Every structure is written in structure tokens, then in C-alpha cells.
Amino acid sequence: MSRPFILGLTGSIGMGKSTTARMFAEAGIPVWDADATVHDLYGPSGAAVAAIGAAFPGTVSDGAVDRARLRQAIRADDTALPRLEAIVHPLTSAARQAFIAAHAQDDIVVLDIPLLFETGADALCDAVLVVSAPPEVQRARVLERGTMTGAELDLILSRQMSDADKRARAHHVIETRTLAETRTAVHRLIDEIRSRHA
């Protein structure tokens, strides 16, 4: 049975992962977005809502998971995160497998997964692409969004695998300094994968 070449896409916060994923989609490559899948699972009538509500009382309102309340519950209890992951990971995995099956006739699919290495999802991929940028560019991009402070960014980065470690484990690295350079690199990689795996 034929199946597509599976390219894992990851990168730390502010590295341009979402922009790069959009460029693959614009080039006609199906992209599975892990964050969007979790958003759907947590949303109204989402598949994870009932189980999360049962495991974490008070975290569901209007038929959807209240992320702020869920974060509070996780912060207050050291056992909470593994329990949450036990609910969400199987649902996410099933959604990912369904996406791959639905695109069995495509030659390439991209799995956009922020914590690709941390969750072991790289084992599912034929190759991994890490997007990267210099630390000062990364910091400027994140702080320009106005959604977090420098201290909050530092905390997130301290909990994630370092950019250097991700680059070392990647099959491909794209520097996302400019949109034009990134788009050129994306198209070059698509051509390379197609020429090798045609």
C-alpha cells in the first residue's frame, strides 16, 4: 500500500514554524496542525471535553474547555499534566493517523508538531525539518506579538528542547530570516523530497 512521505515540521516559539507550514500548504502539500487539532478537541463538543471535565472538575464551561482554568488546575497539581496527556495524546494520535490515511494518494504530507521530539512523534516521520532563526530575531518576533513578557518567554524556552538540540536531530534546517528566503527553501525541499522519493 502506498503512503505519502511524512515530513515532520517543528521549531521553537518565534522561529517561524506557522509561517513555514502555511508556505507548504500554499504549495499544495497537505499540512496537519497539532495545535489546531488540540484546539478542536478542547472546543465546543470537542472529543476531549467530557473526559477533561471529569478529570478536572470546573474546567469546562459552555461545552468547551476553559484553558485558563485548566492551566490553573495543572499548576496546582503535579500529577495533573500526565493525566491530561493521557486523555489528549490518544485523541491527537488518532486524528493524525486519520489525516495521513485521508491523504494516502498525496506524495508528501507535513506534520506540524511543536513538541515533535519531546513527544517522540519524530519516530513517525520519514524526515524532520526544523525551522530556526538567531536568538535575537526569535526574541524580537515573540515580544512584538505583545502576548507575553520576556520573563514568560524565558520560562517557555527553559522548558523546551533547545534550538541547537533540535537542529542536531533534524534532517533539514530552514533559516527563517526573510519570507522570500524561507519560501525558496521550502520549494527547494519539496523538489528534493520528490526527486529522491518519486
Protein backbone atom coordinates (compact mmCIF):
# COMPACT_ATOMS: atom_id res chain seq x y z
CA MET A 1 0.00 0.00 0.00
CA SER A 2 1.44 3.34 -0.96
CA ARG A 3 1.63 6.12 1.55
CA PRO A 4 2.94 9.67 1.44
CA PHE A 5 6.40 10.77 2.51
CA ILE A 6 5.90 12.11 6.04
CA LEU A 7 7.82 15.28 6.84
CA GLY A 8 7.76 16.40 10.46
CA LEU A 9 7.91 20.16 10.96
CA THR A 10 8.97 21.67 14.27
CA GLY A 11 10.78 24.61 15.81
CA SER A 12 10.82 26.64 18.98
CA ILE A 13 8.46 29.54 19.65
CA GLY A 14 9.08 32.54 17.39
CA MET A 15 11.10 30.58 14.83
CA GLY A 16 8.54 30.92 12.01
CA LYS A 17 7.01 27.45 12.12
CA SER A 18 3.43 28.57 11.43
CA THR A 19 4.56 30.76 8.53
CA THR A 20 6.61 27.89 7.08
CA ALA A 21 3.67 25.46 7.46
CA ARG A 22 1.49 27.93 5.55
CA MET A 23 4.07 28.00 2.74
CA PHE A 24 3.89 24.21 2.40
CA ALA A 25 0.07 24.43 2.29
CA GLU A 26 0.24 27.16 -0.36
CA ALA A 27 2.49 24.85 -2.40
CA GLY A 28 -0.27 22.21 -2.32
CA ILE A 29 1.20 20.00 0.41
CA PRO A 30 -1.36 18.77 2.99
CA VAL A 31 -0.40 20.02 6.48
CA TRP A 32 -1.66 18.52 9.75
CA ASP A 33 -1.57 21.09 12.55
CA ALA A 34 -1.22 19.58 16.03
CA ASP A 35 -2.19 22.83 17.78
CA ALA A 36 -5.34 23.21 15.68
CA THR A 37 -6.28 19.61 16.43
CA VAL A 38 -5.94 20.18 20.19
CA HIS A 39 -7.96 23.40 19.81
CA ASP A 40 -10.77 21.38 18.19
CA LEU A 41 -10.57 18.69 20.90
CA TYR A 42 -10.97 21.39 23.59
CA GLY A 43 -13.61 23.38 21.72
CA PRO A 44 -17.43 23.12 21.85
CA SER A 45 -18.44 19.45 21.54
CA GLY A 46 -14.75 18.54 21.21
CA ALA A 47 -13.83 14.88 21.74
CA ALA A 48 -11.72 15.66 24.84
CA VAL A 49 -14.18 17.93 26.64
CA ALA A 50 -16.15 15.34 28.64
CA ALA A 51 -13.06 13.45 29.80
CA ILE A 52 -11.22 16.64 30.79
CA GLY A 53 -14.30 17.88 32.63
CA ALA A 54 -14.49 14.61 34.56
CA ALA A 55 -10.78 14.56 35.38
CA PHE A 56 -10.54 18.28 36.21
CA PRO A 57 -13.85 19.50 37.69
CA GLY A 58 -14.62 23.14 36.99
CA THR A 59 -12.53 23.40 33.83
CA VAL A 60 -15.42 23.15 31.34
CA SER A 61 -17.87 25.95 30.62
CA ASP A 62 -20.41 26.27 27.79
CA GLY A 63 -19.44 22.85 26.46
CA ALA A 64 -15.77 23.73 25.94
CA VAL A 65 -12.58 23.51 27.97
CA ASP A 66 -11.71 26.78 29.70
CA ARG A 67 -7.96 26.88 29.04
CA ALA A 68 -7.24 29.43 31.78
CA ARG A 69 -8.94 27.23 34.39
CA LEU A 70 -7.19 24.14 33.02
CA ARG A 71 -3.81 25.89 33.30
CA GLN A 72 -4.61 26.75 36.92
CA ALA A 73 -5.53 23.14 37.64
CA ILE A 74 -2.27 21.92 36.10
CA ARG A 75 -0.18 24.45 38.06
CA ALA A 76 -1.85 23.43 41.32
CA ASP A 77 -1.24 19.68 40.94
CA ASP A 78 2.00 17.91 39.95
CA THR A 79 0.06 14.86 38.74
CA ALA A 80 -2.27 16.89 36.51
CA LEU A 81 -0.17 17.16 33.33
CA PRO A 82 0.42 13.40 32.89
CA ARG A 83 -3.31 12.82 33.49
CA LEU A 84 -4.20 15.45 30.88
CA GLU A 85 -1.73 13.98 28.39
CA ALA A 86 -3.24 10.52 28.91
CA ILE A 87 -6.58 11.96 27.74
CA VAL A 88 -5.35 14.18 24.90
CA HIS A 89 -2.48 12.22 23.33
CA PRO A 90 -4.52 9.19 22.16
CA LEU A 91 -7.13 11.51 20.60
CA THR A 92 -4.42 13.58 18.91
CA SER A 93 -2.70 10.45 17.64
CA ALA A 94 -5.98 9.12 16.18
CA ALA A 95 -6.62 12.45 14.42
CA ARG A 96 -3.10 12.42 12.99
CA GLN A 97 -3.45 8.85 11.68
CA ALA A 98 -6.81 9.70 10.13
CA PHE A 99 -5.23 12.69 8.37
CA ILE A 100 -2.41 10.55 6.95
CA ALA A 101 -4.92 7.92 5.79
CA ALA A 102 -7.07 10.60 4.16
CA HIS A 103 -4.04 11.79 2.17
CA ALA A 104 -2.72 8.38 1.16
CA GLN A 105 -2.71 9.42 -2.51
CA ASP A 106 -0.56 12.52 -1.89
CA ASP A 107 3.19 12.19 -2.33
CA ILE A 108 4.11 14.32 0.72
CA VAL A 109 2.33 15.34 3.91
CA VAL A 110 3.63 17.66 6.62
CA LEU A 111 3.01 17.08 10.33
CA ASP A 112 3.28 20.44 12.10
CA ILE A 113 4.03 19.47 15.72
CA PRO A 114 5.57 21.99 18.16
CA LEU A 115 6.82 19.29 20.58
CA LEU A 116 7.76 16.78 17.88
CA PHE A 117 10.93 15.47 19.52
CA GLU A 118 9.66 15.85 23.08
CA THR A 119 6.62 13.63 22.38
CA GLY A 120 8.54 11.08 20.28
CA ALA A 121 6.46 11.89 17.20
CA ASP A 122 9.66 12.15 15.14
CA ALA A 123 9.61 8.33 15.06
CA LEU A 124 6.54 8.55 12.78
CA CYS A 125 8.32 10.75 10.23
CA ASP A 126 10.48 9.90 7.23
CA ALA A 127 12.40 13.13 7.81
CA VAL A 128 12.26 16.10 10.18
CA LEU A 129 12.50 19.77 9.25
CA VAL A 130 13.46 22.24 11.96
CA VAL A 131 12.88 25.95 11.37
CA SER A 132 15.32 28.24 13.09
CA ALA A 133 16.38 31.85 13.46
CA PRO A 134 19.03 33.68 15.50
CA PRO A 135 18.08 34.12 19.20
CA GLU A 136 17.71 37.89 18.90
CA VAL A 137 15.33 37.50 15.93
CA GLN A 138 13.32 34.87 17.81
CA ARG A 139 13.03 37.10 20.88
CA ALA A 140 12.02 40.18 18.87
CA ARG A 141 9.32 38.23 16.99
CA VAL A 142 7.74 36.84 20.16
CA LEU A 143 7.82 40.11 22.11
CA GLU A 144 6.40 42.05 19.12
CA ARG A 145 3.21 39.95 19.41
CA GLY A 146 2.54 41.58 22.78
CA THR A 147 1.14 38.35 24.24
CA MET A 148 3.90 37.61 26.74
CA THR A 149 6.74 39.20 28.67
CA GLY A 150 10.43 38.48 28.31
CA ALA A 151 10.32 36.51 31.57
CA GLU A 152 7.43 34.37 30.29
CA LEU A 153 9.36 33.68 27.08
CA ASP A 154 12.43 32.67 29.08
CA LEU A 155 10.30 30.24 31.09
CA ILE A 156 8.88 28.63 27.94
CA LEU A 157 12.33 28.33 26.38
CA SER A 158 13.71 26.75 29.57
CA ARG A 159 11.08 24.01 29.30
CA GLN A 160 11.56 23.28 25.59
CA MET A 161 14.35 21.37 23.91
CA SER A 162 16.98 23.89 22.82
CA ASP A 163 17.20 25.10 19.24
CA ALA A 164 20.72 23.64 19.00
CA ASP A 165 19.50 20.20 20.06
CA LYS A 166 16.60 20.33 17.59
CA ARG A 167 18.92 21.33 14.76
CA ALA A 168 21.29 18.49 15.65
CA ARG A 169 18.46 15.94 15.37
CA ALA A 170 16.92 17.37 12.18
CA HIS A 171 17.35 16.02 8.66
CA HIS A 172 16.71 19.50 7.26
CA VAL A 173 17.01 23.01 8.72
CA ILE A 174 15.48 26.15 7.21
CA GLU A 175 16.62 29.56 8.42
CA THR A 176 13.59 31.86 8.52
CA ARG A 177 15.30 35.25 8.35
CA THR A 178 13.17 36.58 5.48
CA LEU A 179 9.90 35.41 3.90
CA ALA A 180 11.46 35.22 0.43
CA GLU A 181 14.39 33.07 1.58
CA THR A 182 12.09 30.81 3.58
CA ARG A 183 9.71 30.30 0.65
CA THR A 184 12.62 29.48 -1.67
CA ALA A 185 13.95 26.95 0.86
CA VAL A 186 10.51 25.33 1.24
CA HIS A 187 10.13 24.87 -2.53
CA ARG A 188 13.70 23.55 -2.79
CA LEU A 189 12.99 20.98 -0.08
CA ILE A 190 9.74 19.86 -1.73
CA ASP A 191 11.63 19.37 -5.01
CA GLU A 192 14.41 17.47 -3.22
CA ILE A 193 11.98 15.10 -1.48
CA ARG A 194 10.10 14.48 -4.74
CA SER A 195 13.29 13.79 -6.69
CA ARG A 196 14.55 11.34 -4.06
CA HIS A 197 11.27 9.54 -3.41
CA ALA A 198 9.49 9.68 -6.74
